[in-house]
């Protein structure tokens, strides 16, 4: 299912386009807990296109994906407009936008490259994800981080997770290219 989703997203041919958040994070946490892959509530598609930041474009793309894989709930967001929602300075690209996500382990994304290999970007690296940490990103309020932990029930579903306010990964992100 994940490879099929990656191929569907690749077919959109959007700039700086990836599948992010739980698509990667949950798969790693499931594997580290020796669980079978969890069902996904949705698939988060992120891209960066400052030439068309309309919500209508996102809805159109979501509809295309929905027709291709109707068993999935798709969420498509152009990161070129998301700074407005969060009252941040304009983002310079997809990876830059991910630097503002509430928890560091969610700021990891994947896409298929031209050779059909998985290409990963991670705003804060991947070490803490594999260490089963759940790390607050100081770019967002602690209360937002806490609320997400409670709403998503991560600690209940993945009991080996530890909550930390600092991530022990290198400051240099894994870059887009």
N, C-alpha and C. Protein backbone atom coordinates (compact mmCIF):
# COMPACT_ATOMS: atom_id res chain seq x y z
N UNK A 1 0.82 -1.19 0.00
CA UNK A 1 0.00 0.00 0.00
C UNK A 1 0.87 1.25 0.00
N UNK A 2 1.94 1.25 0.82
CA UNK A 2 2.79 2.44 0.88
C UNK A 2 3.49 2.70 -0.45
N UNK A 3 3.98 1.66 -1.09
CA UNK A 3 4.65 1.86 -2.38
C UNK A 3 3.65 2.35 -3.43
N UNK A 4 2.45 1.83 -3.39
CA UNK A 4 1.41 2.28 -4.33
C UNK A 4 1.11 3.76 -4.09
N UNK A 5 1.01 4.15 -2.81
CA UNK A 5 0.76 5.56 -2.48
C UNK A 5 1.91 6.44 -2.97
N UNK A 6 3.14 5.98 -2.79
CA UNK A 6 4.29 6.76 -3.26
C UNK A 6 4.26 6.93 -4.77
N UNK A 7 3.88 5.89 -5.49
CA UNK A 7 3.79 5.99 -6.94
C UNK A 7 2.67 6.96 -7.36
N UNK A 8 1.56 6.92 -6.66
CA UNK A 8 0.46 7.85 -6.98
C UNK A 8 0.89 9.29 -6.78
N UNK A 9 1.56 9.55 -5.68
CA UNK A 9 2.02 10.92 -5.41
C UNK A 9 3.08 11.33 -6.42
N UNK A 10 3.97 10.43 -6.76
CA UNK A 10 5.00 10.73 -7.76
C UNK A 10 4.37 11.12 -9.10
N UNK A 11 3.26 10.48 -9.45
CA UNK A 11 2.61 10.75 -10.73
C UNK A 11 2.06 12.18 -10.82
N UNK A 12 1.86 12.85 -9.70
CA UNK A 12 1.41 14.24 -9.71
C UNK A 12 2.49 15.19 -10.21
N UNK A 13 3.74 14.77 -10.09
CA UNK A 13 4.88 15.56 -10.57
C UNK A 13 4.90 16.97 -9.98
N UNK A 14 4.70 17.05 -8.67
CA UNK A 14 4.70 18.34 -7.98
C UNK A 14 6.10 18.68 -7.48
N UNK A 15 6.42 19.96 -7.38
CA UNK A 15 7.75 20.35 -6.89
C UNK A 15 7.90 20.07 -5.39
N UNK A 16 9.09 19.56 -5.04
CA UNK A 16 9.44 19.27 -3.63
C UNK A 16 8.30 18.51 -2.95
N UNK A 17 7.82 17.47 -3.58
CA UNK A 17 6.65 16.74 -3.11
C UNK A 17 7.04 15.44 -2.40
N UNK A 18 6.46 15.24 -1.23
CA UNK A 18 6.76 14.08 -0.39
C UNK A 18 5.51 13.62 0.34
N UNK A 19 5.57 12.41 0.86
CA UNK A 19 4.59 11.95 1.83
C UNK A 19 5.29 12.03 3.18
N UNK A 20 4.62 12.60 4.16
CA UNK A 20 5.27 12.91 5.42
C UNK A 20 4.50 12.40 6.62
N UNK A 21 5.01 12.79 7.78
CA UNK A 21 4.37 12.59 9.08
C UNK A 21 4.22 11.12 9.42
N UNK A 22 3.00 10.69 9.72
CA UNK A 22 2.77 9.33 10.18
C UNK A 22 3.11 8.26 9.18
N UNK A 23 3.17 8.59 7.92
CA UNK A 23 3.50 7.63 6.87
C UNK A 23 4.86 7.00 7.16
N UNK A 24 5.82 7.81 7.58
CA UNK A 24 7.16 7.32 7.92
C UNK A 24 7.24 7.01 9.41
N UNK A 25 6.87 7.99 10.23
CA UNK A 25 7.00 7.88 11.69
C UNK A 25 6.33 6.62 12.23
N UNK A 26 5.06 6.40 11.88
CA UNK A 26 4.34 5.26 12.43
C UNK A 26 4.94 3.92 11.98
N UNK A 27 5.42 3.86 10.75
CA UNK A 27 6.02 2.64 10.25
C UNK A 27 7.27 2.27 11.06
N UNK A 28 8.09 3.27 11.35
CA UNK A 28 9.29 3.03 12.15
C UNK A 28 8.91 2.63 13.58
N UNK A 29 8.01 3.37 14.19
CA UNK A 29 7.61 3.03 15.56
C UNK A 29 6.98 1.65 15.64
N UNK A 30 6.18 1.29 14.63
CA UNK A 30 5.61 -0.07 14.61
C UNK A 30 6.72 -1.11 14.54
N UNK A 31 7.67 -0.92 13.66
CA UNK A 31 8.77 -1.88 13.53
C UNK A 31 9.58 -1.98 14.82
N UNK A 32 9.83 -0.85 15.46
CA UNK A 32 10.63 -0.84 16.70
C UNK A 32 9.87 -1.50 17.86
N UNK A 33 8.54 -1.53 17.76
CA UNK A 33 7.72 -2.20 18.77
C UNK A 33 7.36 -3.63 18.36
N UNK A 34 7.87 -4.04 17.18
CA UNK A 34 7.57 -5.36 16.63
C UNK A 34 6.07 -5.56 16.38
N UNK A 35 5.42 -4.48 15.94
CA UNK A 35 4.00 -4.50 15.56
C UNK A 35 3.92 -4.64 14.04
N UNK A 36 2.83 -5.20 13.54
CA UNK A 36 2.59 -5.07 12.10
C UNK A 36 2.29 -3.60 11.78
N UNK A 37 2.47 -3.18 10.53
CA UNK A 37 2.19 -1.78 10.20
C UNK A 37 0.77 -1.36 10.59
N UNK A 38 0.68 -0.26 11.30
CA UNK A 38 -0.61 0.29 11.73
C UNK A 38 -1.37 0.85 10.54
N UNK A 39 -2.68 0.82 10.63
CA UNK A 39 -3.50 1.50 9.63
C UNK A 39 -3.27 3.00 9.77
N UNK A 40 -3.31 3.69 8.67
CA UNK A 40 -3.11 5.14 8.68
C UNK A 40 -4.45 5.85 8.66
N UNK A 41 -4.58 6.88 9.51
CA UNK A 41 -5.79 7.71 9.48
C UNK A 41 -5.89 8.47 8.17
N UNK A 42 -4.74 8.92 7.71
CA UNK A 42 -4.66 9.64 6.45
C UNK A 42 -3.23 9.60 5.96
N UNK A 43 -3.04 10.07 4.75
CA UNK A 43 -1.70 10.19 4.17
C UNK A 43 -1.49 11.67 3.89
N UNK A 44 -0.44 12.21 4.49
CA UNK A 44 -0.12 13.63 4.36
C UNK A 44 0.86 13.86 3.21
N UNK A 45 0.39 14.53 2.18
CA UNK A 45 1.21 14.88 1.02
C UNK A 45 1.57 16.35 1.15
N UNK A 46 2.86 16.62 1.09
CA UNK A 46 3.34 17.99 1.18
C UNK A 46 4.15 18.32 -0.07
N UNK A 47 4.04 19.56 -0.51
CA UNK A 47 4.82 20.01 -1.66
C UNK A 47 5.04 21.50 -1.50
N UNK A 48 5.85 22.07 -2.40
CA UNK A 48 6.15 23.50 -2.31
C UNK A 48 6.03 24.11 -3.70
N UNK A 49 4.98 24.92 -3.88
CA UNK A 49 4.75 25.58 -5.16
C UNK A 49 4.21 26.99 -4.92
N UNK A 50 5.10 27.99 -4.86
CA UNK A 50 4.64 29.36 -4.61
C UNK A 50 3.84 29.96 -5.77
N UNK A 51 3.81 29.31 -6.93
CA UNK A 51 3.08 29.87 -8.06
C UNK A 51 1.56 29.67 -7.95
N UNK A 52 1.11 28.74 -7.10
CA UNK A 52 -0.32 28.53 -6.90
C UNK A 52 -0.55 28.05 -5.47
N UNK A 53 -0.87 28.97 -4.60
CA UNK A 53 -1.06 28.63 -3.18
C UNK A 53 -2.54 28.53 -2.81
N UNK A 54 -3.38 28.32 -3.79
CA UNK A 54 -4.82 28.25 -3.52
C UNK A 54 -5.20 26.92 -2.88
N UNK A 55 -6.17 27.00 -2.01
CA UNK A 55 -6.72 25.78 -1.40
C UNK A 55 -7.44 24.95 -2.46
N UNK A 56 -7.98 25.60 -3.46
CA UNK A 56 -8.66 24.88 -4.53
C UNK A 56 -7.70 23.92 -5.25
N UNK A 57 -6.46 24.35 -5.44
CA UNK A 57 -5.45 23.49 -6.06
C UNK A 57 -5.18 22.26 -5.18
N UNK A 58 -5.05 22.49 -3.89
CA UNK A 58 -4.84 21.36 -2.97
C UNK A 58 -6.02 20.40 -3.01
N UNK A 59 -7.23 20.94 -3.03
CA UNK A 59 -8.42 20.09 -3.07
C UNK A 59 -8.50 19.31 -4.38
N UNK A 60 -8.11 19.93 -5.47
CA UNK A 60 -8.08 19.26 -6.76
C UNK A 60 -7.11 18.07 -6.72
N UNK A 61 -5.91 18.32 -6.20
CA UNK A 61 -4.89 17.26 -6.11
C UNK A 61 -5.37 16.14 -5.18
N UNK A 62 -5.98 16.52 -4.08
CA UNK A 62 -6.53 15.55 -3.15
C UNK A 62 -7.56 14.67 -3.87
N UNK A 63 -8.40 15.29 -4.67
CA UNK A 63 -9.41 14.55 -5.43
C UNK A 63 -8.79 13.57 -6.41
N UNK A 64 -7.72 13.99 -7.08
CA UNK A 64 -7.02 13.08 -8.00
C UNK A 64 -6.51 11.85 -7.26
N UNK A 65 -5.89 12.08 -6.12
CA UNK A 65 -5.37 10.96 -5.32
C UNK A 65 -6.51 10.09 -4.81
N UNK A 66 -7.60 10.72 -4.41
CA UNK A 66 -8.76 9.98 -3.89
C UNK A 66 -9.34 9.05 -4.95
N UNK A 67 -9.37 9.52 -6.20
CA UNK A 67 -9.86 8.68 -7.29
C UNK A 67 -8.93 7.50 -7.55
N UNK A 68 -7.64 7.73 -7.42
CA UNK A 68 -6.65 6.68 -7.68
C UNK A 68 -6.62 5.64 -6.57
N UNK A 69 -6.68 6.10 -5.32
CA UNK A 69 -6.66 5.20 -4.17
C UNK A 69 -7.78 5.62 -3.21
N UNK A 70 -9.01 5.24 -3.52
CA UNK A 70 -10.15 5.70 -2.71
C UNK A 70 -10.19 5.13 -1.29
N UNK A 71 -9.43 4.09 -1.04
CA UNK A 71 -9.42 3.50 0.30
C UNK A 71 -8.60 4.33 1.29
N UNK A 72 -7.93 5.35 0.80
CA UNK A 72 -7.08 6.21 1.62
C UNK A 72 -7.74 7.57 1.79
N UNK A 73 -7.59 8.16 2.97
CA UNK A 73 -7.94 9.56 3.18
C UNK A 73 -6.67 10.36 2.92
N UNK A 74 -6.72 11.24 1.95
CA UNK A 74 -5.56 12.02 1.56
C UNK A 74 -5.68 13.43 2.12
N UNK A 75 -4.54 13.98 2.52
CA UNK A 75 -4.46 15.38 2.92
C UNK A 75 -3.29 15.99 2.16
N UNK A 76 -3.57 16.96 1.33
CA UNK A 76 -2.54 17.58 0.49
C UNK A 76 -2.39 19.03 0.92
N UNK A 77 -1.14 19.43 1.21
CA UNK A 77 -0.87 20.80 1.65
C UNK A 77 0.35 21.37 0.95
N UNK A 78 0.15 22.54 0.34
CA UNK A 78 1.25 23.29 -0.27
C UNK A 78 1.95 24.06 0.84
N UNK A 79 3.18 23.70 1.11
CA UNK A 79 3.93 24.33 2.19
C UNK A 79 4.25 25.80 1.89
N UNK A 80 4.06 26.22 0.66
CA UNK A 80 4.28 27.64 0.30
C UNK A 80 3.22 28.55 0.90
N UNK A 81 2.12 27.98 1.39
CA UNK A 81 1.09 28.81 2.02
C UNK A 81 0.92 28.54 3.51
N UNK A 82 1.50 27.48 4.02
CA UNK A 82 1.24 27.08 5.40
C UNK A 82 1.82 28.04 6.44
N UNK A 83 2.81 28.83 6.07
CA UNK A 83 3.35 29.81 7.02
C UNK A 83 2.27 30.80 7.46
N UNK A 84 1.33 31.10 6.58
CA UNK A 84 0.25 32.04 6.92
C UNK A 84 -0.63 31.48 8.03
N UNK A 85 -0.96 30.20 7.92
CA UNK A 85 -1.80 29.55 8.93
C UNK A 85 -1.13 29.58 10.31
N UNK A 86 0.19 29.41 10.32
CA UNK A 86 0.93 29.31 11.58
C UNK A 86 1.60 30.60 12.02
N UNK A 87 1.40 31.66 11.23
CA UNK A 87 1.98 32.97 11.55
C UNK A 87 3.51 32.93 11.65
N UNK A 88 4.12 32.22 10.71
CA UNK A 88 5.58 32.11 10.62
C UNK A 88 6.06 32.97 9.46
N UNK A 89 7.36 33.23 9.40
CA UNK A 89 7.90 33.84 8.18
C UNK A 89 7.69 32.87 7.01
N UNK A 90 7.67 33.38 5.80
CA UNK A 90 7.48 32.51 4.64
C UNK A 90 8.54 31.41 4.62
N UNK A 91 8.12 30.22 4.29
CA UNK A 91 9.04 29.08 4.20
C UNK A 91 9.76 29.12 2.87
N UNK A 92 11.01 28.66 2.88
CA UNK A 92 11.83 28.66 1.67
C UNK A 92 11.64 27.39 0.84
N UNK A 93 10.99 26.39 1.41
CA UNK A 93 10.79 25.13 0.70
C UNK A 93 10.14 24.12 1.63
N UNK A 94 9.97 22.91 1.14
CA UNK A 94 9.33 21.85 1.93
C UNK A 94 10.12 21.54 3.19
N UNK A 95 11.42 21.34 3.05
CA UNK A 95 12.25 21.01 4.21
C UNK A 95 12.22 22.14 5.24
N UNK A 96 12.28 23.36 4.79
CA UNK A 96 12.23 24.52 5.68
C UNK A 96 10.90 24.54 6.45
N UNK A 97 9.80 24.25 5.78
CA UNK A 97 8.49 24.22 6.45
C UNK A 97 8.46 23.16 7.55
N UNK A 98 9.08 22.02 7.28
CA UNK A 98 9.09 20.92 8.26
C UNK A 98 9.84 21.30 9.54
N UNK A 99 10.72 22.28 9.48
CA UNK A 99 11.46 22.74 10.67
C UNK A 99 10.55 23.39 11.70
N UNK A 100 9.30 23.65 11.33
CA UNK A 100 8.35 24.30 12.23
C UNK A 100 7.28 23.33 12.76
N UNK A 101 7.37 22.06 12.43
CA UNK A 101 6.36 21.10 12.89
C UNK A 101 6.51 20.84 14.38
N UNK A 102 5.44 20.59 15.10
CA UNK A 102 5.46 20.51 16.57
C UNK A 102 6.38 19.46 17.19
N UNK A 103 6.49 18.31 16.56
CA UNK A 103 7.41 17.30 17.10
C UNK A 103 8.42 16.92 16.02
N UNK A 104 9.63 16.72 16.42
CA UNK A 104 10.73 16.51 15.48
C UNK A 104 10.61 15.21 14.71
N UNK A 105 10.07 14.17 15.32
CA UNK A 105 9.99 12.87 14.66
C UNK A 105 8.92 12.81 13.57
N UNK A 106 8.06 13.79 13.54
CA UNK A 106 7.05 13.88 12.48
C UNK A 106 7.62 14.57 11.25
N UNK A 107 8.68 15.35 11.42
CA UNK A 107 9.26 16.14 10.35
C UNK A 107 10.21 15.31 9.49
N UNK A 108 9.68 14.19 9.01
CA UNK A 108 10.41 13.26 8.14
C UNK A 108 9.47 12.93 6.98
N UNK A 109 10.01 12.92 5.78
CA UNK A 109 9.17 12.67 4.61
C UNK A 109 9.91 11.79 3.60
N UNK A 110 9.14 11.18 2.71
CA UNK A 110 9.70 10.25 1.73
C UNK A 110 9.02 10.47 0.38
N UNK A 111 9.78 10.22 -0.67
CA UNK A 111 9.24 10.20 -2.02
C UNK A 111 10.04 9.20 -2.84
N UNK A 112 9.51 8.86 -3.99
CA UNK A 112 10.26 8.04 -4.94
C UNK A 112 11.08 8.94 -5.84
N UNK A 113 12.35 8.59 -6.01
CA UNK A 113 13.17 9.36 -6.94
C UNK A 113 12.95 8.82 -8.37
N UNK A 114 13.67 9.34 -9.31
CA UNK A 114 13.48 8.95 -10.71
C UNK A 114 13.84 7.49 -10.96
N UNK A 115 14.63 6.90 -10.08
CA UNK A 115 15.01 5.49 -10.19
C UNK A 115 14.11 4.59 -9.34
N UNK A 116 13.02 5.15 -8.84
CA UNK A 116 12.03 4.43 -8.03
C UNK A 116 12.59 3.96 -6.69
N UNK A 117 13.57 4.69 -6.19
CA UNK A 117 14.11 4.43 -4.85
C UNK A 117 13.54 5.46 -3.89
N UNK A 118 13.39 5.05 -2.64
CA UNK A 118 12.87 5.96 -1.62
C UNK A 118 13.93 6.99 -1.26
N UNK A 119 13.54 8.24 -1.30
CA UNK A 119 14.40 9.36 -0.92
C UNK A 119 13.78 10.01 0.31
N UNK A 120 14.58 10.15 1.36
CA UNK A 120 14.10 10.68 2.64
C UNK A 120 14.66 12.09 2.87
N UNK A 121 13.82 12.97 3.40
CA UNK A 121 14.31 14.22 3.96
C UNK A 121 13.84 14.27 5.40
N UNK A 122 14.65 14.88 6.24
CA UNK A 122 14.32 14.96 7.67
C UNK A 122 14.85 16.28 8.22
N UNK A 123 13.96 17.12 8.69
CA UNK A 123 14.36 18.44 9.17
C UNK A 123 15.30 18.36 10.38
N UNK A 124 15.19 17.31 11.17
CA UNK A 124 16.02 17.16 12.37
C UNK A 124 16.81 15.86 12.38
N UNK A 125 16.95 15.23 11.24
CA UNK A 125 17.62 13.94 11.18
C UNK A 125 16.64 12.83 11.57
N UNK A 126 17.14 11.61 11.62
CA UNK A 126 16.28 10.45 11.91
C UNK A 126 16.67 9.70 13.17
N UNK A 127 17.77 10.06 13.80
CA UNK A 127 18.27 9.31 14.95
C UNK A 127 17.24 9.19 16.06
N UNK A 128 16.61 10.28 16.43
CA UNK A 128 15.65 10.24 17.54
C UNK A 128 14.43 9.38 17.22
N UNK A 129 14.05 9.32 15.95
CA UNK A 129 12.94 8.46 15.55
C UNK A 129 13.26 7.01 15.87
N UNK A 130 14.48 6.58 15.54
CA UNK A 130 14.90 5.20 15.78
C UNK A 130 15.25 4.95 17.24
N UNK A 131 15.42 6.01 18.01
CA UNK A 131 15.64 5.88 19.46
C UNK A 131 14.33 5.90 20.23
N UNK A 132 13.21 5.92 19.51
CA UNK A 132 11.86 5.92 20.09
C UNK A 132 11.62 7.13 20.99
N UNK A 133 12.13 8.26 20.54
CA UNK A 133 11.90 9.51 21.26
C UNK A 133 10.76 10.27 20.61
N UNK A 134 10.12 11.07 21.40
CA UNK A 134 9.09 12.00 20.94
C UNK A 134 9.54 13.36 21.44
N UNK A 135 10.05 14.18 20.53
CA UNK A 135 10.76 15.40 20.90
C UNK A 135 10.00 16.66 20.51
N UNK A 136 9.87 17.55 21.47
CA UNK A 136 9.26 18.85 21.23
C UNK A 136 10.17 19.70 20.36
N UNK A 137 9.57 20.37 19.40
CA UNK A 137 10.28 21.34 18.58
C UNK A 137 10.03 22.71 19.21
N UNK A 138 11.08 23.38 19.70
CA UNK A 138 10.88 24.69 20.34
C UNK A 138 10.31 25.77 19.43
N UNK A 139 10.19 25.51 18.14
CA UNK A 139 9.57 26.47 17.23
C UNK A 139 8.05 26.54 17.45
N UNK A 140 7.51 25.61 18.21
CA UNK A 140 6.08 25.57 18.51
C UNK A 140 5.89 25.53 20.03
N UNK A 141 4.77 26.04 20.52
CA UNK A 141 4.53 26.02 21.97
C UNK A 141 4.48 24.59 22.53
N UNK A 142 4.98 24.44 23.74
CA UNK A 142 4.94 23.16 24.45
C UNK A 142 3.50 22.65 24.54
N UNK A 143 2.55 23.53 24.74
CA UNK A 143 1.14 23.13 24.88
C UNK A 143 0.63 22.46 23.61
N UNK A 144 1.07 22.91 22.45
CA UNK A 144 0.66 22.29 21.18
C UNK A 144 1.21 20.88 21.10
N UNK A 145 2.47 20.73 21.47
CA UNK A 145 3.13 19.41 21.50
C UNK A 145 2.39 18.47 22.45
N UNK A 146 2.09 18.93 23.65
CA UNK A 146 1.38 18.12 24.65
C UNK A 146 -0.02 17.73 24.14
N UNK A 147 -0.71 18.66 23.55
CA UNK A 147 -2.05 18.39 23.04
C UNK A 147 -2.02 17.31 21.96
N UNK A 148 -1.03 17.37 21.08
CA UNK A 148 -0.92 16.36 20.02
C UNK A 148 -0.62 14.98 20.62
N UNK A 149 0.22 14.92 21.62
CA UNK A 149 0.52 13.64 22.27
C UNK A 149 -0.76 13.03 22.83
N UNK A 150 -1.55 13.85 23.50
CA UNK A 150 -2.80 13.37 24.10
C UNK A 150 -3.82 12.97 23.04
N UNK A 151 -4.03 13.83 22.05
CA UNK A 151 -5.04 13.56 21.02
C UNK A 151 -4.71 12.33 20.20
N UNK A 152 -3.45 12.17 19.86
CA UNK A 152 -3.05 11.06 19.00
C UNK A 152 -2.76 9.77 19.78
N UNK A 153 -2.68 9.87 21.09
CA UNK A 153 -2.47 8.71 21.97
C UNK A 153 -1.24 7.89 21.59
N UNK A 154 -0.19 8.59 21.20
CA UNK A 154 1.04 7.91 20.80
C UNK A 154 1.61 7.06 21.92
N UNK A 155 1.61 7.59 23.15
CA UNK A 155 2.22 6.86 24.27
C UNK A 155 1.44 5.61 24.64
N UNK A 156 0.18 5.59 24.35
CA UNK A 156 -0.63 4.40 24.59
C UNK A 156 -0.36 3.36 23.51
N UNK A 157 -0.34 3.80 22.28
CA UNK A 157 -0.14 2.87 21.16
C UNK A 157 1.30 2.36 21.08
N UNK A 158 2.25 3.22 21.37
CA UNK A 158 3.68 2.84 21.32
C UNK A 158 4.29 3.11 22.71
N UNK A 159 4.12 2.19 23.65
CA UNK A 159 4.53 2.44 25.04
C UNK A 159 6.03 2.58 25.28
N UNK A 160 6.86 2.19 24.31
CA UNK A 160 8.31 2.34 24.49
C UNK A 160 8.80 3.75 24.19
N UNK A 161 7.92 4.61 23.70
CA UNK A 161 8.32 5.99 23.40
C UNK A 161 8.67 6.73 24.68
N UNK A 162 9.64 7.61 24.57
CA UNK A 162 9.96 8.51 25.68
C UNK A 162 9.84 9.94 25.18
N UNK A 163 9.21 10.78 25.98
CA UNK A 163 9.03 12.19 25.62
C UNK A 163 10.25 12.96 26.09
N UNK A 164 10.78 13.76 25.19
CA UNK A 164 11.95 14.57 25.50
C UNK A 164 11.74 15.97 24.93
N UNK A 165 12.33 16.95 25.57
CA UNK A 165 12.22 18.31 25.05
C UNK A 165 13.37 18.64 24.12
N UNK A 166 14.42 17.82 24.14
CA UNK A 166 15.53 18.04 23.24
C UNK A 166 15.85 16.75 22.52
N UNK A 167 16.21 16.89 21.28
CA UNK A 167 16.53 15.75 20.44
C UNK A 167 18.05 15.62 20.38
N UNK A 168 18.55 14.43 20.49
CA UNK A 168 20.00 14.24 20.52
C UNK A 168 20.58 13.98 19.13
N UNK A 169 19.96 14.54 18.10
CA UNK A 169 20.48 14.37 16.75
C UNK A 169 21.33 15.55 16.36
N UNK A 170 22.15 15.35 15.37
CA UNK A 170 23.00 16.44 14.88
C UNK A 170 22.13 17.59 14.39
N UNK A 171 22.66 18.79 14.53
CA UNK A 171 21.90 19.98 14.13
C UNK A 171 21.73 20.07 12.62
N UNK A 172 22.62 19.45 11.86
CA UNK A 172 22.54 19.53 10.41
C UNK A 172 21.46 18.58 9.90
N UNK A 173 20.47 19.10 9.18
CA UNK A 173 19.40 18.23 8.66
C UNK A 173 19.87 17.40 7.47
N UNK A 174 19.16 16.33 7.22
CA UNK A 174 19.35 15.58 5.99
C UNK A 174 18.65 16.41 4.92
N UNK A 175 19.40 16.86 3.94
CA UNK A 175 18.89 17.86 3.01
C UNK A 175 18.20 17.24 1.82
N UNK A 176 17.46 18.07 1.10
CA UNK A 176 16.70 17.62 -0.06
C UNK A 176 17.59 17.20 -1.21
N UNK A 177 18.60 17.91 -1.51
CA UNK A 177 19.50 17.56 -2.61
C UNK A 177 20.74 18.40 -2.57
